[in-house]
Amino acid sequence: MTDRKTLLDRVSRDTDERTLLAHVLDCCERSRERNIPAHTDFLSPAEARSAEDLLHAAKIHDGWAFCGGYERAERRMLCFLADWQEAPDAAECMAALRVRYRADEGLTHRDLLGSLMALGVVRAKLGDILVSPDSSDVLVCADVADYLAREWTGAGRAKLSCTRIALSELAVPELKVRELRDTVATLRLDAVAATGFSMSRAKASELIASGRVALNHREVSKPDAPVAEGDVVSARGLGKFELASVGGQSRKGRTSILIKRYL
């Protein structure tokens, strides 16, 4: 592995990211030196991308995997495997909680997250929050599960009933997307974002330049950044979409694209 300080100097963009990546390296080294499983807390998509870039820079290409408790999880732990493991044991590092409440309470993701953090739990201890009309399932780090099952009794004025459930019992909402087909003059970020967010290319260019757009969970400020099939574009306040496929060119040289906008 490349020298630790040199590696962090090369990969980290700021102090916060350096602290996160130093912790990732600590987990990796502990796992490899003692041949035991080790894991981070839950990482945001951007943090997971940074951690993955770090491991690739360190030429660590195996012996690790991301795990979020279910297939489409957005917030995931980075798990380092012992040599006797083929995959992470999710039940060892995380737990699932189900809270029930009256449907007419109208609780949202923000309400539930706020009530959890009011209990003194930092965001990194919490995975995805899967909201349904009269209940929600939440992934949490195993070390806070019992505390939350006991103390998480309200969100605002709403009363909650909280119990632990198996990961296999998670109620994962159906993924809703809207398909958008278009042709673009170029696979630049501003052109693709204009279709994905239903705005003019000039507006999309302004949005990107303002620093509100991320490509594959990394902030991008250049409107001419290239976008490829499978890339995910997000914008603060506008949601996100995937460039699902790139087709051929028309007689006028425009490229056909299919975008899946997440609802």
Protein backbone atom coordinates (compact mmCIF):
# COMPACT_ATOMS: atom_id res chain seq x y z
CA MET A 1 0.00 0.00 0.00
CA THR A 2 1.18 3.57 -0.73
CA ASP A 3 2.46 5.51 2.31
CA ARG A 4 -0.57 6.55 4.37
CA LYS A 5 0.17 10.29 4.55
CA THR A 6 1.01 10.49 0.86
CA LEU A 7 -2.17 8.63 -0.01
CA LEU A 8 -4.38 10.89 2.10
CA ASP A 9 -2.66 14.00 0.75
CA ARG A 10 -3.32 12.86 -2.80
CA VAL A 11 -6.94 11.74 -2.42
CA SER A 12 -8.46 14.07 0.19
CA ARG A 13 -10.03 17.32 -0.96
CA ASP A 14 -10.54 18.91 2.47
CA THR A 15 -10.07 18.30 6.18
CA ASP A 16 -13.43 16.56 6.68
CA GLU A 17 -12.80 14.15 3.82
CA ARG A 18 -9.30 13.45 5.11
CA THR A 19 -10.72 12.54 8.54
CA LEU A 20 -13.26 10.20 6.94
CA LEU A 21 -10.68 8.51 4.72
CA ALA A 22 -8.23 8.12 7.60
CA HIS A 23 -10.97 6.19 9.41
CA VAL A 24 -11.51 4.04 6.32
CA LEU A 25 -7.81 3.20 6.29
CA ASP A 26 -7.94 2.39 10.01
CA CYS A 27 -10.73 -0.12 9.37
CA CYS A 28 -8.88 -1.63 6.44
CA GLU A 29 -5.63 -2.00 8.37
CA ARG A 30 -7.36 -3.47 11.44
CA SER A 31 -9.12 -6.05 9.29
CA ARG A 32 -6.00 -7.06 7.38
CA GLU A 33 -3.59 -7.12 10.33
CA ARG A 34 -5.90 -9.18 12.57
CA ASN A 35 -7.82 -11.05 9.84
CA ILE A 36 -11.18 -9.98 11.27
CA PRO A 37 -14.24 -8.28 9.77
CA ALA A 38 -14.31 -4.50 10.18
CA HIS A 39 -16.65 -1.82 8.92
CA THR A 40 -17.30 1.90 8.82
CA ASP A 41 -20.54 3.52 9.92
CA PHE A 42 -23.05 4.37 7.20
CA LEU A 43 -21.63 6.46 4.36
CA SER A 44 -23.50 8.84 2.10
CA PRO A 45 -23.21 8.16 -1.64
CA ALA A 46 -20.57 10.90 -1.92
CA GLU A 47 -18.59 9.50 1.02
CA ALA A 48 -18.80 5.99 -0.43
CA ARG A 49 -17.47 7.29 -3.73
CA SER A 50 -14.54 8.96 -1.93
CA ALA A 51 -13.79 5.78 0.00
CA GLU A 52 -13.88 3.71 -3.18
CA ASP A 53 -11.50 6.14 -4.90
CA LEU A 54 -9.15 5.85 -1.92
CA LEU A 55 -9.08 2.05 -2.06
CA HIS A 56 -8.43 2.06 -5.79
CA ALA A 57 -5.62 4.60 -5.30
CA ALA A 58 -4.15 2.29 -2.64
CA LYS A 59 -4.46 -0.63 -5.10
CA ILE A 60 -6.78 -2.50 -2.73
CA HIS A 61 -9.11 -4.14 -5.21
CA ASP A 62 -10.61 -6.99 -3.18
CA GLY A 63 -11.50 -7.99 0.35
CA TRP A 64 -14.11 -5.26 0.79
CA ALA A 65 -17.72 -4.59 -0.14
CA PHE A 66 -20.48 -2.07 0.48
CA CYS A 67 -23.56 -3.14 2.40
CA GLY A 68 -26.71 -1.15 3.15
CA GLY A 69 -29.13 -3.81 4.32
CA TYR A 70 -31.01 -4.20 1.04
CA GLU A 71 -30.17 -4.16 -2.64
CA ARG A 72 -30.92 -0.53 -3.54
CA ALA A 73 -29.68 1.06 -0.34
CA GLU A 74 -28.38 4.60 -0.77
CA ARG A 75 -26.49 4.89 2.53
CA ARG A 76 -24.12 1.96 2.97
CA MET A 77 -21.35 0.70 5.22
CA LEU A 78 -17.95 -0.16 3.81
CA CYS A 79 -17.16 -3.65 5.09
CA PHE A 80 -13.69 -5.20 5.10
CA LEU A 81 -13.70 -8.99 5.01
CA ALA A 82 -11.64 -11.57 6.84
CA ASP A 83 -10.11 -14.15 4.51
CA TRP A 84 -12.75 -16.70 5.55
CA GLN A 85 -15.62 -14.47 4.42
CA GLU A 86 -17.14 -14.33 0.96
CA ALA A 87 -19.53 -11.47 1.73
CA PRO A 88 -20.31 -9.10 4.63
CA ASP A 89 -22.53 -10.35 7.44
CA ALA A 90 -24.99 -7.46 7.49
CA ALA A 91 -26.78 -8.72 10.60
CA GLU A 92 -23.53 -8.38 12.58
CA CYS A 93 -22.98 -4.69 11.85
CA MET A 94 -26.44 -3.23 11.36
CA ALA A 95 -30.03 -3.65 12.52
CA ALA A 96 -33.49 -2.73 11.28
CA LEU A 97 -36.12 -0.91 13.29
CA ARG A 98 -39.80 -0.50 12.47
CA VAL A 99 -41.76 2.42 13.88
CA ARG A 100 -45.54 2.50 13.69
CA TYR A 101 -47.77 5.57 13.90
CA ARG A 102 -51.16 6.76 12.72
CA ALA A 103 -51.39 7.32 8.97
CA ASP A 104 -53.05 10.70 9.53
CA GLU A 105 -49.90 11.94 11.28
CA GLY A 106 -48.36 12.36 7.81
CA LEU A 107 -44.80 11.79 8.99
CA THR A 108 -42.06 12.43 6.44
CA HIS A 109 -38.44 11.34 6.07
CA ARG A 110 -37.39 14.71 7.52
CA ASP A 111 -39.66 14.30 10.56
CA LEU A 112 -38.26 10.89 11.37
CA LEU A 113 -34.64 11.86 10.80
CA GLY A 114 -35.06 14.93 12.98
CA SER A 115 -36.54 12.91 15.83
CA LEU A 116 -33.66 10.43 15.66
CA MET A 117 -31.00 13.11 15.73
CA ALA A 118 -32.83 14.80 18.62
CA LEU A 119 -31.97 11.66 20.58
CA GLY A 120 -28.30 12.47 20.12
CA VAL A 121 -27.65 9.96 17.31
CA VAL A 122 -25.28 11.26 14.62
CA ARG A 123 -26.21 10.82 10.96
CA ALA A 124 -23.45 8.29 10.36
CA LYS A 125 -25.20 5.84 12.70
CA LEU A 126 -28.30 5.87 10.50
CA GLY A 127 -28.82 4.20 7.14
CA ASP A 128 -31.81 4.58 4.86
CA ILE A 129 -35.22 5.56 6.21
CA LEU A 130 -37.96 3.73 4.28
CA VAL A 131 -41.22 5.64 4.75
CA SER A 132 -44.69 4.10 4.41
CA PRO A 133 -48.07 5.67 5.31
CA ASP A 134 -48.42 4.19 8.81
CA SER A 135 -44.94 2.80 9.51
CA SER A 136 -41.33 3.26 8.53
CA ASP A 137 -38.30 0.99 8.56
CA VAL A 138 -34.89 2.38 9.47
CA LEU A 139 -31.42 0.86 9.11
CA VAL A 140 -29.14 1.69 12.04
CA CYS A 141 -25.71 0.67 13.28
CA ALA A 142 -25.92 -2.33 15.57
CA ASP A 143 -24.38 -0.44 18.48
CA VAL A 144 -27.31 2.03 18.71
CA ALA A 145 -30.17 -0.35 17.88
CA ASP A 146 -31.18 -1.26 21.45
CA TYR A 147 -31.01 2.36 22.59
CA LEU A 148 -33.23 3.55 19.75
CA ALA A 149 -35.69 0.66 20.13
CA ARG A 150 -36.15 1.76 23.73
CA GLU A 151 -36.00 5.56 23.48
CA TRP A 152 -37.46 6.43 20.07
CA THR A 153 -41.03 7.06 21.17
CA GLY A 154 -42.02 10.22 19.32
CA ALA A 155 -41.55 12.45 16.29
CA GLY A 156 -42.90 15.92 16.98
CA ARG A 157 -46.39 15.37 18.42
CA ALA A 158 -46.71 11.90 16.89
CA LYS A 159 -46.31 8.90 19.16
CA LEU A 160 -44.16 6.07 17.84
CA SER A 161 -44.08 2.38 18.63
CA CYS A 162 -40.61 1.03 17.81
CA THR A 163 -39.53 -2.61 17.49
CA ARG A 164 -36.59 -4.45 15.96
CA ILE A 165 -37.21 -6.50 12.83
CA ALA A 166 -35.05 -8.81 10.72
CA LEU A 167 -33.35 -7.30 7.69
CA SER A 168 -35.35 -9.72 5.57
CA GLU A 169 -38.55 -8.06 6.80
CA LEU A 170 -37.73 -4.60 5.48
CA ALA A 171 -40.60 -2.98 3.59
CA VAL A 172 -38.77 -1.39 0.65
CA PRO A 173 -40.96 1.07 -1.29
CA GLU A 174 -41.29 0.52 -5.01
CA LEU A 175 -38.81 2.59 -6.99
CA LYS A 176 -40.73 5.16 -9.04
CA VAL A 177 -39.13 6.62 -12.13
CA ARG A 178 -40.23 8.65 -15.11
CA GLU A 179 -38.64 7.85 -18.45
CA LEU A 180 -37.59 10.74 -20.67
CA ARG A 181 -36.43 10.25 -24.26
CA ASP A 182 -34.65 13.01 -26.14
CA THR A 183 -31.82 13.79 -28.51
CA VAL A 184 -28.87 15.97 -27.55
CA ALA A 185 -26.22 17.69 -29.59
CA THR A 186 -23.54 16.46 -27.21
CA LEU A 187 -23.16 14.30 -24.10
CA ARG A 188 -22.04 17.30 -22.05
CA LEU A 189 -23.44 17.65 -18.56
CA ASP A 190 -25.39 20.81 -19.36
CA ALA A 191 -27.11 19.22 -22.35
CA VAL A 192 -28.05 16.03 -20.51
CA ALA A 193 -29.11 17.92 -17.35
CA ALA A 194 -31.38 20.15 -19.43
CA THR A 195 -33.38 17.07 -20.43
CA GLY A 196 -33.19 15.40 -17.04
CA PHE A 197 -34.41 18.44 -15.12
CA SER A 198 -36.74 19.76 -17.85
CA MET A 199 -35.08 23.14 -18.30
CA SER A 200 -33.20 25.07 -20.95
CA ARG A 201 -29.55 24.29 -21.55
CA ALA A 202 -28.63 27.83 -20.45
CA LYS A 203 -30.48 27.29 -17.14
CA ALA A 204 -28.77 23.93 -16.68
CA SER A 205 -25.39 25.54 -17.32
CA GLU A 206 -26.09 28.19 -14.64
CA LEU A 207 -27.19 25.48 -12.20
CA ILE A 208 -23.96 23.54 -12.73
CA ALA A 209 -21.75 26.61 -12.45
CA SER A 210 -23.44 27.49 -9.13
CA GLY A 211 -22.11 24.23 -7.60
CA ARG A 212 -25.53 22.66 -7.06
CA VAL A 213 -25.00 19.67 -9.39
CA ALA A 214 -23.22 16.38 -8.69
CA LEU A 215 -22.16 13.77 -11.22
CA ASN A 216 -21.90 10.29 -9.70
CA HIS A 217 -22.11 11.92 -6.25
CA ARG A 218 -19.22 14.31 -6.90
CA GLU A 219 -19.87 18.06 -7.20
CA VAL A 220 -19.13 19.32 -10.71
CA SER A 221 -18.97 22.99 -11.70
CA LYS A 222 -18.03 22.58 -15.37
CA PRO A 223 -21.00 22.49 -17.79
CA ASP A 224 -18.88 20.68 -20.39
CA ALA A 225 -18.12 17.68 -18.13
CA PRO A 226 -18.75 14.47 -20.11
CA VAL A 227 -21.63 12.19 -19.10
CA ALA A 228 -21.70 8.47 -19.94
CA GLU A 229 -24.32 5.75 -19.92
CA GLY A 230 -25.09 4.67 -16.35
CA ASP A 231 -24.01 7.97 -14.79
CA VAL A 232 -26.19 9.52 -12.08
CA VAL A 233 -26.78 13.27 -11.99
CA SER A 234 -28.30 15.03 -8.98
CA ALA A 235 -29.09 18.65 -8.16
CA ARG A 236 -29.93 20.10 -4.77
CA GLY A 237 -33.64 20.76 -4.59
CA LEU A 238 -34.37 19.05 -7.92
CA GLY A 239 -33.70 15.36 -7.26
CA LYS A 240 -31.69 13.04 -9.45
CA PHE A 241 -31.75 11.02 -12.65
CA GLU A 242 -29.75 8.31 -14.41
CA LEU A 243 -28.59 8.42 -18.01
CA ALA A 244 -30.02 4.95 -18.59
CA SER A 245 -28.94 4.47 -22.19
CA VAL A 246 -27.23 6.22 -25.08
CA GLY A 247 -28.39 5.36 -28.58
CA GLY A 248 -27.25 6.16 -32.07
CA GLN A 249 -27.10 9.45 -33.91
CA SER A 250 -29.74 11.05 -36.08
CA ARG A 251 -29.09 12.38 -39.57
CA LYS A 252 -28.46 15.76 -38.01
CA GLY A 253 -25.78 14.32 -35.74
CA ARG A 254 -27.82 14.43 -32.51
CA THR A 255 -27.51 11.54 -30.04
CA SER A 256 -30.59 9.79 -28.68
CA ILE A 257 -30.73 9.29 -24.90
CA LEU A 258 -33.02 7.66 -22.37
CA ILE A 259 -33.15 9.22 -18.92
CA LYS A 260 -34.75 7.71 -15.82
CA ARG A 261 -35.83 10.48 -13.48
CA TYR A 262 -36.34 9.36 -9.88
CA LEU A 263 -39.66 10.54 -8.40
